[in-house]
Amino acid sequence: MFIDTAGSQSNMTSESGGDQSVNYGMIHFSLRHDAEASALVVTVVKATGLQEGDAESFNPYVKVRLLPDKHQKAKTKVVRRSANPVFDEAITFAGVDAGRLQKRGSAVHMSVFNSDAFSKHAFVGELTFYLGEVDLQSQSDVIMARPLSKVRRSSRRNVRIN
């Protein structure tokens, strides 16, 4: 078992140059490649410190995508009334070998949302973890704790002005 806490809340600078010292919460997750099934297993363990305020009205869930192929995606269950939800859900992305996953650009993207029955689900934070940073060919789980940021990379669009 490998534990990585390199993404702790210390003063870090995001790819876009912004300061990430603001606390949007942390996601705790693990990664494992199942060579027999040719699948990546992402276990969303828990989130901590998602919001300051009323936890009674906070109902988070996590959307997980395998990049660069945005078609492989899944989401966790909604955990009711918790700013520190425990998900403990394994999400399996089938049909991916470890060699392909460790190529440049392959990543797991996680977005946290607050489920609201009466309006659009509110974006809480996100993270992108590049799979080249870990050895997925080892037989053990890689356990991570990484901070969320507020940059919506997935919502950026190329806009052409004529």
C-alpha atoms as a PDB file:
ATOM      1  CA  MET A   1       0.000   0.000   0.000  1.00  0.00           C
ATOM      2  CA  PHE A   2       1.312   3.433  -0.986  1.00  0.00           C
ATOM      3  CA  ILE A   3       0.051   6.567   0.760  1.00  0.00           C
ATOM      4  CA  ASP A   4       0.511   9.980  -0.848  1.00  0.00           C
ATOM      5  CA  THR A   5      -0.323  13.188   0.921  1.00  0.00           C
ATOM      6  CA  ALA A   6       1.859  15.387  -1.298  1.00  0.00           C
ATOM      7  CA  GLY A   7      -1.191  17.400  -2.254  1.00  0.00           C
ATOM      8  CA  SER A   8      -1.679  18.741   1.250  1.00  0.00           C
ATOM      9  CA  GLN A   9      -3.106  22.175   1.926  1.00  0.00           C
ATOM     10  CA  SER A  10       0.234  24.009   1.903  1.00  0.00           C
ATOM     11  CA  ASN A  11       0.509  27.146  -0.221  1.00  0.00           C
ATOM     12  CA  MET A  12       0.409  25.737  -3.739  1.00  0.00           C
ATOM     13  CA  THR A  13       0.010  27.442  -7.085  1.00  0.00           C
ATOM     14  CA  SER A  14      -2.482  26.027  -9.560  1.00  0.00           C
ATOM     15  CA  GLU A  15      -1.777  25.449 -13.260  1.00  0.00           C
ATOM     16  CA  SER A  16      -3.642  28.663 -14.013  1.00  0.00           C
ATOM     17  CA  GLY A  17      -1.391  30.606 -11.640  1.00  0.00           C
ATOM     18  CA  GLY A  18      -3.998  31.053  -8.911  1.00  0.00           C
ATOM     19  CA  ASP A  19      -3.349  30.587  -5.218  1.00  0.00           C
ATOM     20  CA  GLN A  20      -4.731  27.320  -3.874  1.00  0.00           C
ATOM     21  CA  SER A  21      -4.198  28.171  -0.205  1.00  0.00           C
ATOM     22  CA  VAL A  22      -7.959  28.752   0.059  1.00  0.00           C
ATOM     23  CA  ASN A  23      -9.538  25.626   1.512  1.00  0.00           C
ATOM     24  CA  TYR A  24     -12.285  24.123  -0.661  1.00  0.00           C
ATOM     25  CA  GLY A  25     -11.930  20.734   0.991  1.00  0.00           C
ATOM     26  CA  MET A  26     -10.055  17.509   0.327  1.00  0.00           C
ATOM     27  CA  ILE A  27     -10.884  14.305  -1.517  1.00  0.00           C
ATOM     28  CA  HIS A  28      -9.496  11.026  -0.200  1.00  0.00           C
ATOM     29  CA  PHE A  29      -9.360   8.293  -2.838  1.00  0.00           C
ATOM     30  CA  SER A  30      -7.424   5.253  -3.962  1.00  0.00           C
ATOM     31  CA  LEU A  31      -6.355   3.912  -7.346  1.00  0.00           C
ATOM     32  CA  ARG A  32      -5.702   0.352  -8.426  1.00  0.00           C
ATOM     33  CA  HIS A  33      -5.251  -1.207 -11.832  1.00  0.00           C
ATOM     34  CA  ASP A  34      -6.744  -4.689 -12.208  1.00  0.00           C
ATOM     35  CA  ALA A  35      -4.541  -6.265 -14.904  1.00  0.00           C
ATOM     36  CA  GLU A  36      -6.717  -9.392 -15.248  1.00  0.00           C
ATOM     37  CA  ALA A  37      -9.847  -7.360 -15.970  1.00  0.00           C
ATOM     38  CA  SER A  38      -7.923  -4.582 -17.753  1.00  0.00           C
ATOM     39  CA  ALA A  39      -9.671  -2.031 -15.556  1.00  0.00           C
ATOM     40  CA  LEU A  40      -8.877   0.968 -13.391  1.00  0.00           C
ATOM     41  CA  VAL A  41     -10.612   0.959 -10.009  1.00  0.00           C
ATOM     42  CA  VAL A  42     -11.039   4.391  -8.414  1.00  0.00           C
ATOM     43  CA  THR A  43     -12.346   4.257  -4.859  1.00  0.00           C
ATOM     44  CA  VAL A  44     -13.780   7.537  -3.621  1.00  0.00           C
ATOM     45  CA  VAL A  45     -13.258   7.107   0.116  1.00  0.00           C
ATOM     46  CA  LYS A  46     -14.366  10.407   1.619  1.00  0.00           C
ATOM     47  CA  ALA A  47     -14.259  14.179   1.412  1.00  0.00           C
ATOM     48  CA  THR A  48     -13.368  16.499   4.253  1.00  0.00           C
ATOM     49  CA  GLY A  49     -13.944  20.189   4.932  1.00  0.00           C
ATOM     50  CA  LEU A  50     -16.195  20.739   1.919  1.00  0.00           C
ATOM     51  CA  GLN A  51     -17.941  23.839   3.187  1.00  0.00           C
ATOM     52  CA  GLU A  52     -18.076  26.223   6.034  1.00  0.00           C
ATOM     53  CA  GLY A  53     -21.624  26.791   7.159  1.00  0.00           C
ATOM     54  CA  ASP A  54     -24.758  24.736   7.521  1.00  0.00           C
ATOM     55  CA  ALA A  55     -24.011  21.039   7.024  1.00  0.00           C
ATOM     56  CA  GLU A  56     -27.738  20.299   7.387  1.00  0.00           C
ATOM     57  CA  SER A  57     -28.376  21.675   3.896  1.00  0.00           C
ATOM     58  CA  PHE A  58     -25.261  20.164   2.281  1.00  0.00           C
ATOM     59  CA  ASN A  59     -25.768  16.980   0.217  1.00  0.00           C
ATOM     60  CA  PRO A  60     -22.537  16.231  -1.704  1.00  0.00           C
ATOM     61  CA  TYR A  61     -21.710  13.710  -4.398  1.00  0.00           C
ATOM     62  CA  VAL A  62     -18.666  13.182  -6.638  1.00  0.00           C
ATOM     63  CA  LYS A  63     -18.537  12.843 -10.437  1.00  0.00           C
ATOM     64  CA  VAL A  64     -15.507  10.869 -11.643  1.00  0.00           C
ATOM     65  CA  ARG A  65     -14.205  10.944 -15.232  1.00  0.00           C
ATOM     66  CA  LEU A  66     -11.344   9.146 -16.891  1.00  0.00           C
ATOM     67  CA  LEU A  67      -9.462  11.549 -19.180  1.00  0.00           C
ATOM     68  CA  PRO A  68      -8.744  12.101 -21.996  1.00  0.00           C
ATOM     69  CA  ASP A  69     -11.746   9.910 -22.920  1.00  0.00           C
ATOM     70  CA  LYS A  70     -14.547  11.926 -21.309  1.00  0.00           C
ATOM     71  CA  HIS A  71     -17.109   9.234 -22.159  1.00  0.00           C
ATOM     72  CA  GLN A  72     -16.020   7.041 -19.248  1.00  0.00           C
ATOM     73  CA  LYS A  73     -17.687   8.630 -16.234  1.00  0.00           C
ATOM     74  CA  ALA A  74     -19.621   7.729 -13.120  1.00  0.00           C
ATOM     75  CA  LYS A  75     -20.842   9.341  -9.922  1.00  0.00           C
ATOM     76  CA  THR A  76     -21.136   8.396  -6.283  1.00  0.00           C
ATOM     77  CA  LYS A  77     -24.280   8.326  -4.239  1.00  0.00           C
ATOM     78  CA  VAL A  78     -25.425  11.525  -2.546  1.00  0.00           C
ATOM     79  CA  VAL A  79     -24.497  11.707   1.141  1.00  0.00           C
ATOM     80  CA  ARG A  80     -27.137  13.717   2.974  1.00  0.00           C
ATOM     81  CA  ARG A  81     -26.370  16.512   5.442  1.00  0.00           C
ATOM     82  CA  SER A  82     -22.584  16.261   5.622  1.00  0.00           C
ATOM     83  CA  ALA A  83     -19.641  18.551   4.929  1.00  0.00           C
ATOM     84  CA  ASN A  84     -17.379  15.535   5.624  1.00  0.00           C
ATOM     85  CA  PRO A  85     -19.111  12.733   3.680  1.00  0.00           C
ATOM     86  CA  VAL A  86     -17.905   9.144   3.617  1.00  0.00           C
ATOM     87  CA  PHE A  87     -18.616   7.604   0.204  1.00  0.00           C
ATOM     88  CA  ASP A  88     -16.490   4.431   0.235  1.00  0.00           C
ATOM     89  CA  GLU A  89     -17.508   3.670  -3.372  1.00  0.00           C
ATOM     90  CA  ALA A  90     -15.420   1.810  -5.928  1.00  0.00           C
ATOM     91  CA  ILE A  91     -15.876   2.938  -9.541  1.00  0.00           C
ATOM     92  CA  THR A  92     -14.493   0.640 -12.234  1.00  0.00           C
ATOM     93  CA  PHE A  93     -13.391   1.897 -15.637  1.00  0.00           C
ATOM     94  CA  ALA A  94     -13.192  -1.181 -17.880  1.00  0.00           C
ATOM     95  CA  GLY A  95     -11.092  -1.750 -20.972  1.00  0.00           C
ATOM     96  CA  VAL A  96      -7.993   0.225 -20.020  1.00  0.00           C
ATOM     97  CA  ASP A  97      -4.510  -1.231 -19.705  1.00  0.00           C
ATOM     98  CA  ALA A  98      -1.902   0.201 -17.351  1.00  0.00           C
ATOM     99  CA  GLY A  99       0.412   1.249 -20.189  1.00  0.00           C
ATOM    100  CA  ARG A 100      -2.276   3.430 -21.771  1.00  0.00           C
ATOM    101  CA  LEU A 101      -3.165   4.974 -18.420  1.00  0.00           C
ATOM    102  CA  GLN A 102       0.397   6.049 -17.740  1.00  0.00           C
ATOM    103  CA  LYS A 103       0.723   7.945 -21.017  1.00  0.00           C
ATOM    104  CA  ARG A 104       0.837  11.711 -20.998  1.00  0.00           C
ATOM    105  CA  GLY A 105      -2.576  13.286 -20.499  1.00  0.00           C
ATOM    106  CA  SER A 106      -4.292  10.309 -18.870  1.00  0.00           C
ATOM    107  CA  ALA A 107      -5.955  11.462 -15.666  1.00  0.00           C
ATOM    108  CA  VAL A 108      -8.774  10.966 -13.220  1.00  0.00           C
ATOM    109  CA  HIS A 109     -10.942  14.070 -12.892  1.00  0.00           C
ATOM    110  CA  MET A 110     -13.219  14.437  -9.855  1.00  0.00           C
ATOM    111  CA  SER A 111     -15.855  17.126  -9.382  1.00  0.00           C
ATOM    112  CA  VAL A 112     -17.811  17.592  -6.163  1.00  0.00           C
ATOM    113  CA  PHE A 113     -21.369  18.934  -6.306  1.00  0.00           C
ATOM    114  CA  ASN A 114     -24.014  19.798  -3.739  1.00  0.00           C
ATOM    115  CA  SER A 115     -27.302  18.102  -4.617  1.00  0.00           C
ATOM    116  CA  ASP A 116     -30.300  20.398  -4.358  1.00  0.00           C
ATOM    117  CA  ALA A 117     -33.814  19.136  -5.090  1.00  0.00           C
ATOM    118  CA  PHE A 118     -35.068  22.590  -6.061  1.00  0.00           C
ATOM    119  CA  SER A 119     -32.305  24.028  -8.263  1.00  0.00           C
ATOM    120  CA  LYS A 120     -29.253  23.171 -10.351  1.00  0.00           C
ATOM    121  CA  HIS A 121     -26.659  21.218  -8.386  1.00  0.00           C
ATOM    122  CA  ALA A 122     -23.984  23.596  -7.100  1.00  0.00           C
ATOM    123  CA  PHE A 123     -20.330  23.080  -8.015  1.00  0.00           C
ATOM    124  CA  VAL A 124     -18.143  22.750  -4.887  1.00  0.00           C
ATOM    125  CA  GLY A 125     -14.675  21.980  -6.236  1.00  0.00           C
ATOM    126  CA  GLU A 126     -12.617  19.699  -8.451  1.00  0.00           C
ATOM    127  CA  LEU A 127      -9.266  18.032  -8.921  1.00  0.00           C
ATOM    128  CA  THR A 128      -7.398  16.384 -11.753  1.00  0.00           C
ATOM    129  CA  PHE A 129      -4.903  13.672 -10.864  1.00  0.00           C
ATOM    130  CA  TYR A 130      -2.507  12.665 -13.641  1.00  0.00           C
ATOM    131  CA  LEU A 131      -1.995   8.910 -13.673  1.00  0.00           C
ATOM    132  CA  GLY A 132       1.630   9.157 -14.801  1.00  0.00           C
ATOM    133  CA  GLU A 133       2.451  10.271 -11.238  1.00  0.00           C
ATOM    134  CA  VAL A 134       1.971   6.755  -9.815  1.00  0.00           C
ATOM    135  CA  ASP A 135       2.965   3.185 -10.640  1.00  0.00           C
ATOM    136  CA  LEU A 136      -0.313   1.511 -11.564  1.00  0.00           C
ATOM    137  CA  GLN A 137       1.407  -1.743 -12.413  1.00  0.00           C
ATOM    138  CA  SER A 138       2.112  -2.494  -8.764  1.00  0.00           C
ATOM    139  CA  GLN A 139      -0.361  -4.853  -7.177  1.00  0.00           C
ATOM    140  CA  SER A 140      -1.320  -2.545  -4.308  1.00  0.00           C
ATOM    141  CA  ASP A 141      -3.740   0.338  -3.938  1.00  0.00           C
ATOM    142  CA  VAL A 142      -2.358   3.853  -4.174  1.00  0.00           C
ATOM    143  CA  ILE A 143      -4.076   5.959  -1.497  1.00  0.00           C
ATOM    144  CA  MET A 144      -4.319   9.728  -1.999  1.00  0.00           C
ATOM    145  CA  ALA A 145      -5.597  12.834  -0.259  1.00  0.00           C
ATOM    146  CA  ARG A 146      -5.682  15.878  -2.527  1.00  0.00           C
ATOM    147  CA  PRO A 147      -7.141  19.392  -2.205  1.00  0.00           C
ATOM    148  CA  LEU A 148      -9.999  20.640  -4.335  1.00  0.00           C
ATOM    149  CA  SER A 149      -9.778  23.802  -6.416  1.00  0.00           C
ATOM    150  CA  LYS A 150     -12.537  26.044  -7.779  1.00  0.00           C
ATOM    151  CA  VAL A 151     -11.205  26.243 -11.347  1.00  0.00           C
ATOM    152  CA  ARG A 152     -13.760  24.673 -13.707  1.00  0.00           C
ATOM    153  CA  ARG A 153     -11.390  23.260 -16.331  1.00  0.00           C
ATOM    154  CA  SER A 154     -14.112  21.102 -17.851  1.00  0.00           C
ATOM    155  CA  SER A 155     -16.338  24.115 -18.518  1.00  0.00           C
ATOM    156  CA  ARG A 156     -13.811  25.961 -20.653  1.00  0.00           C
ATOM    157  CA  ARG A 157     -14.847  26.135 -24.274  1.00  0.00           C
ATOM    158  CA  ASN A 158     -13.082  27.291 -27.385  1.00  0.00           C
ATOM    159  CA  VAL A 159     -14.925  30.349 -28.560  1.00  0.00           C
ATOM    160  CA  ARG A 160     -14.358  31.786 -32.026  1.00  0.00           C
ATOM    161  CA  ILE A 161     -15.242  35.398 -32.616  1.00  0.00           C
ATOM    162  CA  ASN A 162     -15.728  36.354 -36.257  1.00  0.00           C
END
